[in-house]
Amino acid sequence: MAYGIDDNCINCGSCQGSCPVSAISEGDDKHEINADLCIDCGACADICPTEAIHPQ
């Protein structure tokens, strides 16, 4: 199960650097997680300051 980023994302980028498989990229309004690359480790959710990242 991959993680996803909801509308609480403030596009700060802290999650992008925490991803061990580079599954996170910057979108227009928020960061996005590539579900095909996500290994469901939760590192991004642990570091998100707005708790915008959740399992899908």
N, C-alpha and C. Protein backbone atom coordinates (compact mmCIF):
# COMPACT_ATOMS: atom_id res chain seq x y z
N MET A 1 0.84 -1.17 0.00
CA MET A 1 0.00 0.00 0.00
C MET A 1 0.90 1.24 0.00
N ALA A 2 0.67 2.11 -0.93
CA ALA A 2 1.46 3.33 -1.04
C ALA A 2 0.89 4.43 -0.15
N TYR A 3 1.69 5.43 0.10
CA TYR A 3 1.25 6.61 0.84
C TYR A 3 0.79 7.67 -0.14
N GLY A 4 -0.02 8.60 0.33
CA GLY A 4 -0.48 9.71 -0.47
C GLY A 4 -0.41 10.99 0.34
N ILE A 5 -0.46 12.11 -0.36
CA ILE A 5 -0.35 13.42 0.28
C ILE A 5 -1.66 14.18 0.06
N ASP A 6 -2.26 14.65 1.16
CA ASP A 6 -3.53 15.35 1.04
C ASP A 6 -3.33 16.86 0.92
N ASP A 7 -4.43 17.60 0.90
CA ASP A 7 -4.39 19.04 0.68
C ASP A 7 -3.80 19.85 1.83
N ASN A 8 -3.46 19.21 2.94
CA ASN A 8 -2.79 19.91 4.04
C ASN A 8 -1.32 20.19 3.73
N CYS A 9 -0.81 19.62 2.65
CA CYS A 9 0.59 19.81 2.25
C CYS A 9 0.86 21.29 1.99
N ILE A 10 1.96 21.78 2.56
CA ILE A 10 2.36 23.18 2.35
C ILE A 10 3.54 23.28 1.38
N ASN A 11 3.86 22.18 0.71
CA ASN A 11 4.91 22.14 -0.32
C ASN A 11 6.27 22.52 0.24
N CYS A 12 6.55 22.12 1.49
CA CYS A 12 7.81 22.49 2.13
C CYS A 12 9.00 21.65 1.64
N GLY A 13 8.71 20.42 1.20
CA GLY A 13 9.77 19.56 0.66
C GLY A 13 10.47 18.68 1.66
N SER A 14 10.11 18.74 2.92
CA SER A 14 10.81 17.90 3.91
C SER A 14 10.60 16.42 3.63
N CYS A 15 9.47 16.04 3.10
CA CYS A 15 9.20 14.63 2.80
C CYS A 15 10.07 14.11 1.65
N GLN A 16 10.33 14.95 0.69
CA GLN A 16 11.09 14.54 -0.49
C GLN A 16 12.47 14.03 -0.12
N GLY A 17 13.14 14.70 0.77
CA GLY A 17 14.47 14.30 1.19
C GLY A 17 14.50 13.08 2.08
N SER A 18 13.36 12.74 2.67
CA SER A 18 13.30 11.59 3.57
C SER A 18 13.02 10.27 2.85
N CYS A 19 12.61 10.33 1.59
CA CYS A 19 12.22 9.13 0.86
C CYS A 19 13.44 8.36 0.35
N PRO A 20 13.61 7.11 0.79
CA PRO A 20 14.79 6.34 0.39
C PRO A 20 14.77 5.85 -1.05
N VAL A 21 13.61 5.94 -1.71
CA VAL A 21 13.51 5.46 -3.10
C VAL A 21 13.14 6.58 -4.07
N SER A 22 13.23 7.81 -3.63
CA SER A 22 12.93 8.99 -4.46
C SER A 22 11.57 8.91 -5.14
N ALA A 23 10.55 8.52 -4.37
CA ALA A 23 9.20 8.40 -4.92
C ALA A 23 8.41 9.70 -4.83
N ILE A 24 8.99 10.73 -4.20
CA ILE A 24 8.27 11.97 -3.97
C ILE A 24 8.85 13.08 -4.85
N SER A 25 7.93 13.81 -5.50
CA SER A 25 8.36 14.93 -6.34
C SER A 25 7.48 16.14 -6.07
N GLU A 26 7.97 17.30 -6.45
CA GLU A 26 7.22 18.53 -6.22
C GLU A 26 6.17 18.70 -7.30
N GLY A 27 4.92 18.91 -6.87
CA GLY A 27 3.83 19.19 -7.79
C GLY A 27 3.56 20.68 -7.83
N ASP A 28 2.49 21.07 -8.49
CA ASP A 28 2.15 22.48 -8.59
C ASP A 28 1.76 23.08 -7.24
N ASP A 29 0.83 22.42 -6.55
CA ASP A 29 0.33 22.95 -5.28
C ASP A 29 0.82 22.18 -4.06
N LYS A 30 1.26 20.93 -4.29
CA LYS A 30 1.72 20.08 -3.21
C LYS A 30 2.66 19.03 -3.77
N HIS A 31 3.38 18.35 -2.89
CA HIS A 31 4.24 17.26 -3.33
C HIS A 31 3.39 16.04 -3.67
N GLU A 32 3.94 15.16 -4.50
CA GLU A 32 3.20 13.99 -4.95
C GLU A 32 4.05 12.75 -4.74
N ILE A 33 3.40 11.63 -4.42
CA ILE A 33 4.09 10.36 -4.23
C ILE A 33 3.75 9.43 -5.39
N ASN A 34 4.77 8.91 -6.04
CA ASN A 34 4.58 7.94 -7.11
C ASN A 34 4.28 6.59 -6.46
N ALA A 35 3.04 6.13 -6.58
CA ALA A 35 2.61 4.90 -5.92
C ALA A 35 3.36 3.68 -6.41
N ASP A 36 3.85 3.71 -7.64
CA ASP A 36 4.59 2.58 -8.19
C ASP A 36 5.98 2.45 -7.56
N LEU A 37 6.53 3.55 -7.08
CA LEU A 37 7.86 3.55 -6.48
C LEU A 37 7.83 3.44 -4.95
N CYS A 38 6.74 3.87 -4.34
CA CYS A 38 6.61 3.89 -2.88
C CYS A 38 6.74 2.48 -2.30
N ILE A 39 7.59 2.35 -1.26
CA ILE A 39 7.79 1.05 -0.62
C ILE A 39 7.08 0.97 0.74
N ASP A 40 6.23 1.93 1.02
CA ASP A 40 5.40 1.93 2.22
C ASP A 40 6.22 1.92 3.52
N CYS A 41 7.32 2.66 3.54
CA CYS A 41 8.17 2.68 4.74
C CYS A 41 7.68 3.68 5.78
N GLY A 42 6.95 4.73 5.37
CA GLY A 42 6.43 5.71 6.30
C GLY A 42 7.38 6.81 6.71
N ALA A 43 8.58 6.84 6.16
CA ALA A 43 9.55 7.88 6.53
C ALA A 43 9.01 9.27 6.23
N CYS A 44 8.31 9.42 5.14
CA CYS A 44 7.76 10.72 4.76
C CYS A 44 6.69 11.17 5.74
N ALA A 45 5.83 10.25 6.15
CA ALA A 45 4.76 10.58 7.09
C ALA A 45 5.32 11.00 8.44
N ASP A 46 6.41 10.36 8.85
CA ASP A 46 7.02 10.67 10.14
C ASP A 46 7.60 12.08 10.19
N ILE A 47 8.04 12.59 9.05
CA ILE A 47 8.72 13.89 9.04
C ILE A 47 7.80 15.04 8.62
N CYS A 48 6.63 14.75 8.10
CA CYS A 48 5.73 15.80 7.60
C CYS A 48 5.24 16.71 8.73
N PRO A 49 5.49 18.03 8.63
CA PRO A 49 5.10 18.94 9.72
C PRO A 49 3.60 19.19 9.78
N THR A 50 2.86 18.90 8.71
CA THR A 50 1.42 19.16 8.71
C THR A 50 0.59 17.86 8.74
N GLU A 51 1.26 16.73 8.91
CA GLU A 51 0.59 15.43 8.93
C GLU A 51 -0.28 15.22 7.70
N ALA A 52 0.23 15.62 6.54
CA ALA A 52 -0.52 15.53 5.28
C ALA A 52 -0.33 14.21 4.56
N ILE A 53 0.51 13.33 5.10
CA ILE A 53 0.83 12.09 4.39
C ILE A 53 0.22 10.90 5.14
N HIS A 54 -0.52 10.09 4.39
CA HIS A 54 -1.25 8.96 4.98
C HIS A 54 -1.20 7.76 4.03
N PRO A 55 -1.34 6.54 4.58
CA PRO A 55 -1.48 5.37 3.71
C PRO A 55 -2.73 5.50 2.87
N GLN A 56 -2.68 5.06 1.66
CA GLN A 56 -3.84 5.13 0.76
C GLN A 56 -4.69 3.90 0.88
